[in-house]
Amino acid sequence: MPKHDDLFLTFGKLILGVFMLLFLSKKILILAFVIVGLAGGCAQHVDVSYKPANLSKGTGELYVKTFEYLPAAVGDVGPDEAQQDKSGMAYTYLSENVDALFTNAVKKDLAFSGYMVSDGSPHSVSGEIRRFSFDWVGMTGMRFEIAVSFVVTKNGKVVYSNVVESTQEARKEGSKLEDPSKLIGLAMADCIGRFIRDAQKKGAL
C-alpha cells in the first residue's frame, strides 16, 4: 500500500493540476474575448444636437433638398454610421441618419442667417456628403473629418458648385476627453458656414 505521504503528494498534484487547468481555461477565454473585440471593434452611439453658429446674414427664399450620404449609398457604411479608416477602435453610430442630420443642419444655419427655408422655391441648395469620418487617435484623442459637395440652383440652372472640407481634432486633457458630439457639431458648423460665406461671395445666395 502507498504511504500516507505519497497519497498526500499525489492528491496535492491532482488539486494543483485542476487549478492550473481552470486558470489556463480562464486565460484562454479572456484572450478569445480580446481577439473578438479587436477584430469586431466596439460601438459608440452619438447624439448630435446641432446648433447653428454661422454669423453671415442673408435674405430670400431657399429650398434645401436632402443631401445624399454617398458612403451609405454605395454600401460602405450604414445610413446612420460614420466612416472610420485609421484606428478602427470603434464603430460610430449617430442618433439619426447622416443625410437627415446634415440636411437639417443646413436648414438651421440658413434660417439662422435670415433666409426663409421652404419647399417651393426655385432657388435651391443640394449636394452630396462625400466624407463623414470619425477616428480615435490612439487612446488620447479623436478626429472628425467631413467633405461635402454643395450645389446651388436657380430656376433649374446651376449657379454654384464647390466641395467644402473640415477637420476637427480633440486631445485628452487630464482625465477628461471631449464629447464626440461636440467635435462632430463643430466640423459640420465650420463646413456649412464656409459654404454660406463662399456662396454669398460668389453671388449664389
Protein backbone atom coordinates (compact mmCIF):
# COMPACT_ATOMS: atom_id res chain seq x y z
CA MET A 1 0.00 0.00 0.00
CA PRO A 2 1.24 3.52 -0.73
CA LYS A 3 2.34 5.55 2.20
CA HIS A 4 0.22 8.40 3.55
CA ASP A 5 2.86 10.91 2.42
CA ASP A 6 2.71 9.55 -1.12
CA LEU A 7 -1.08 9.71 -1.14
CA PHE A 8 -0.98 13.29 0.14
CA LEU A 9 1.57 14.25 -2.55
CA THR A 10 -0.49 12.61 -5.29
CA PHE A 11 -3.66 14.33 -4.09
CA GLY A 12 -1.84 17.66 -3.94
CA LYS A 13 -0.60 17.28 -7.50
CA LEU A 14 -4.14 16.45 -8.62
CA ILE A 15 -5.56 19.58 -6.96
CA LEU A 16 -2.76 21.71 -8.41
CA GLY A 17 -3.45 20.28 -11.86
CA VAL A 18 -7.15 21.15 -11.60
CA PHE A 19 -6.37 24.73 -10.57
CA MET A 20 -3.84 25.09 -13.40
CA LEU A 21 -6.41 23.79 -15.87
CA LEU A 22 -9.04 26.25 -14.61
CA PHE A 23 -6.51 29.12 -14.72
CA LEU A 24 -5.43 28.32 -18.26
CA SER A 25 -9.04 27.95 -19.39
CA LYS A 26 -9.83 31.38 -17.94
CA LYS A 27 -6.80 32.93 -19.66
CA ILE A 28 -7.79 31.34 -22.97
CA LEU A 29 -11.34 32.63 -22.59
CA ILE A 30 -10.12 36.16 -21.83
CA LEU A 31 -7.76 36.02 -24.80
CA ALA A 32 -10.62 34.89 -27.03
CA PHE A 33 -12.74 37.84 -25.90
CA VAL A 34 -9.86 40.24 -26.57
CA ILE A 35 -9.32 38.84 -30.06
CA VAL A 36 -13.02 39.05 -30.87
CA GLY A 37 -13.14 42.59 -29.52
CA LEU A 38 -10.17 43.70 -31.58
CA ALA A 39 -11.49 42.02 -34.69
CA GLY A 40 -15.04 43.25 -34.40
CA GLY A 41 -14.43 46.60 -32.72
CA CYS A 42 -16.64 48.33 -30.21
CA ALA A 43 -19.56 50.61 -30.95
CA GLN A 44 -20.32 54.10 -29.70
CA HIS A 45 -23.65 55.86 -30.17
CA VAL A 46 -23.52 59.64 -30.55
CA ASP A 47 -26.44 62.03 -30.23
CA VAL A 48 -25.61 65.27 -32.09
CA SER A 49 -27.82 68.16 -31.05
CA TYR A 50 -26.79 70.63 -33.75
CA LYS A 51 -26.89 74.35 -33.02
CA PRO A 52 -26.29 76.91 -35.83
CA ALA A 53 -23.23 79.09 -35.39
CA ASN A 54 -22.98 80.89 -38.73
CA LEU A 55 -22.63 84.69 -38.44
CA SER A 56 -23.37 85.54 -42.09
CA LYS A 57 -26.63 87.34 -42.88
CA GLY A 58 -28.80 86.92 -45.96
CA THR A 59 -32.34 87.25 -47.29
CA GLY A 60 -34.54 85.40 -49.75
CA GLU A 61 -36.29 82.08 -50.03
CA LEU A 62 -34.39 78.80 -50.36
CA TYR A 63 -35.38 75.18 -50.89
CA VAL A 64 -32.97 72.77 -49.19
CA LYS A 65 -33.01 69.34 -50.78
CA THR A 66 -31.87 66.23 -48.93
CA PHE A 67 -28.10 65.77 -49.11
CA GLU A 68 -27.09 62.28 -50.21
CA TYR A 69 -24.70 60.35 -47.96
CA LEU A 70 -22.51 58.70 -50.61
CA PRO A 71 -20.63 56.19 -48.35
CA ALA A 72 -24.00 54.73 -47.31
CA ALA A 73 -25.40 54.87 -50.86
CA VAL A 74 -22.58 52.61 -52.11
CA GLY A 75 -22.90 50.25 -49.13
CA ASP A 76 -19.65 51.06 -47.33
CA VAL A 77 -21.45 52.05 -44.10
CA GLY A 78 -24.96 52.15 -42.72
CA PRO A 79 -27.12 55.28 -43.17
CA ASP A 80 -26.56 56.23 -39.51
CA GLU A 81 -22.91 55.16 -39.37
CA ALA A 82 -19.77 57.30 -39.63
CA GLN A 83 -16.80 56.13 -41.67
CA GLN A 84 -13.57 55.05 -39.98
CA ASP A 85 -10.25 54.20 -41.57
CA LYS A 86 -7.34 54.83 -39.21
CA SER A 87 -7.61 53.34 -35.74
CA GLY A 88 -10.57 51.01 -36.23
CA MET A 89 -11.10 51.10 -32.46
CA ALA A 90 -14.84 51.76 -32.52
CA TYR A 91 -17.77 51.97 -34.89
CA THR A 92 -19.64 55.27 -34.55
CA TYR A 93 -23.42 55.39 -34.95
CA LEU A 94 -25.45 58.59 -34.93
CA SER A 95 -28.85 59.09 -33.32
CA GLU A 96 -30.30 59.71 -36.81
CA ASN A 97 -29.29 59.07 -40.40
CA VAL A 98 -26.36 61.17 -41.58
CA ASP A 99 -28.24 62.60 -44.57
CA ALA A 100 -31.08 63.84 -42.33
CA LEU A 101 -28.68 65.16 -39.69
CA PHE A 102 -26.67 67.22 -42.18
CA THR A 103 -29.66 68.41 -44.23
CA ASN A 104 -31.41 69.68 -41.09
CA ALA A 105 -28.18 71.38 -40.00
CA VAL A 106 -28.01 73.25 -43.34
CA LYS A 107 -31.63 74.34 -42.92
CA LYS A 108 -30.95 75.57 -39.38
CA ASP A 109 -27.90 77.58 -40.43
CA LEU A 110 -29.64 79.18 -43.41
CA ALA A 111 -32.66 80.11 -41.30
CA PHE A 112 -30.34 81.44 -38.59
CA SER A 113 -28.70 83.65 -41.22
CA GLY A 114 -32.04 85.15 -42.23
CA TYR A 115 -33.12 83.03 -45.21
CA MET A 116 -36.65 81.67 -45.47
CA VAL A 117 -36.40 77.90 -45.92
CA SER A 118 -39.33 76.37 -47.84
CA ASP A 119 -40.11 73.56 -50.27
CA GLY A 120 -41.50 75.70 -53.07
CA SER A 121 -38.60 77.95 -54.02
CA PRO A 122 -36.89 77.67 -57.45
CA HIS A 123 -33.70 78.74 -55.65
CA SER A 124 -32.34 75.52 -54.12
CA VAL A 125 -29.41 74.11 -52.19
CA SER A 126 -28.44 70.44 -52.51
CA GLY A 127 -25.37 68.25 -52.51
CA GLU A 128 -23.53 65.08 -51.53
CA ILE A 129 -21.85 64.13 -48.26
CA ARG A 130 -18.67 62.54 -49.57
CA ARG A 131 -16.90 62.01 -46.27
CA PHE A 132 -18.20 61.75 -42.71
CA SER A 133 -15.42 60.08 -40.76
CA PHE A 134 -14.76 59.65 -37.05
CA ASP A 135 -11.48 58.13 -35.80
CA TRP A 136 -9.84 57.64 -32.43
CA VAL A 137 -6.22 58.83 -32.32
CA GLY A 138 -4.56 56.29 -30.08
CA MET A 139 -6.14 56.39 -26.62
CA THR A 140 -5.73 60.13 -26.08
CA GLY A 141 -7.63 61.87 -28.86
CA MET A 142 -10.09 61.78 -31.71
CA ARG A 143 -10.50 63.22 -35.19
CA PHE A 144 -13.59 64.01 -37.26
CA GLU A 145 -13.46 64.80 -40.98
CA ILE A 146 -16.26 65.92 -43.28
CA ALA A 147 -16.32 66.70 -47.00
CA VAL A 148 -19.48 67.92 -48.73
CA SER A 149 -20.22 68.85 -52.34
CA PHE A 150 -22.62 71.82 -52.36
CA VAL A 151 -24.74 72.83 -55.36
CA VAL A 152 -26.90 75.94 -55.65
CA THR A 153 -29.51 76.08 -58.41
CA LYS A 154 -31.65 79.00 -59.63
CA ASN A 155 -34.57 78.29 -61.95
CA GLY A 156 -33.04 74.97 -62.99
CA LYS A 157 -29.56 76.39 -63.67
CA VAL A 158 -26.52 75.54 -61.52
CA VAL A 159 -25.04 78.81 -60.27
CA TYR A 160 -22.66 77.41 -57.68
CA SER A 161 -20.77 74.15 -57.11
CA ASN A 162 -17.96 73.51 -54.65
CA VAL A 163 -16.57 70.89 -52.28
CA VAL A 164 -16.05 72.11 -48.71
CA GLU A 165 -14.00 70.14 -46.19
CA SER A 166 -13.44 70.50 -42.47
CA THR A 167 -11.40 68.61 -39.87
CA GLN A 168 -11.68 68.90 -36.10
CA GLU A 169 -9.41 67.21 -33.55
CA ALA A 170 -9.54 66.90 -29.78
CA ARG A 171 -6.97 65.65 -27.28
CA LYS A 172 -7.45 64.33 -23.80
CA GLU A 173 -6.83 66.98 -21.14
CA GLY A 174 -6.04 65.41 -17.80
CA SER A 175 -8.63 62.69 -17.27
CA LYS A 176 -11.32 64.35 -19.42
CA LEU A 177 -11.93 63.62 -23.10
CA GLU A 178 -14.16 65.89 -25.16
CA ASP A 179 -17.66 64.70 -26.11
CA PRO A 180 -17.62 63.22 -29.68
CA SER A 181 -20.89 65.02 -30.48
CA LYS A 182 -19.24 68.40 -29.88
CA LEU A 183 -16.43 67.56 -32.28
CA ILE A 184 -18.88 66.46 -35.00
CA GLY A 185 -21.04 69.56 -34.47
CA LEU A 186 -18.05 71.90 -34.75
CA ALA A 187 -16.90 70.36 -38.02
CA MET A 188 -20.40 70.47 -39.51
CA ALA A 189 -20.83 74.13 -38.47
CA ASP A 190 -17.46 75.05 -39.96
CA CYS A 191 -18.28 73.25 -43.23
CA ILE A 192 -21.73 74.83 -43.61
CA GLY A 193 -20.51 78.28 -42.55
CA ARG A 194 -17.72 78.25 -45.13
CA PHE A 195 -20.20 77.19 -47.81
CA ILE A 196 -22.60 80.05 -47.00
CA ARG A 197 -19.83 82.66 -46.98
CA ASP A 198 -18.32 81.40 -50.23
CA ALA A 199 -21.70 81.14 -52.00
CA GLN A 200 -22.62 84.65 -50.87
CA LYS A 201 -19.30 86.00 -52.04
CA LYS A 202 -19.91 84.50 -55.48
CA GLY A 203 -23.47 85.84 -55.66
CA ALA A 204 -25.15 82.42 -55.49
CA LEU A 205 -27.01 83.13 -52.24
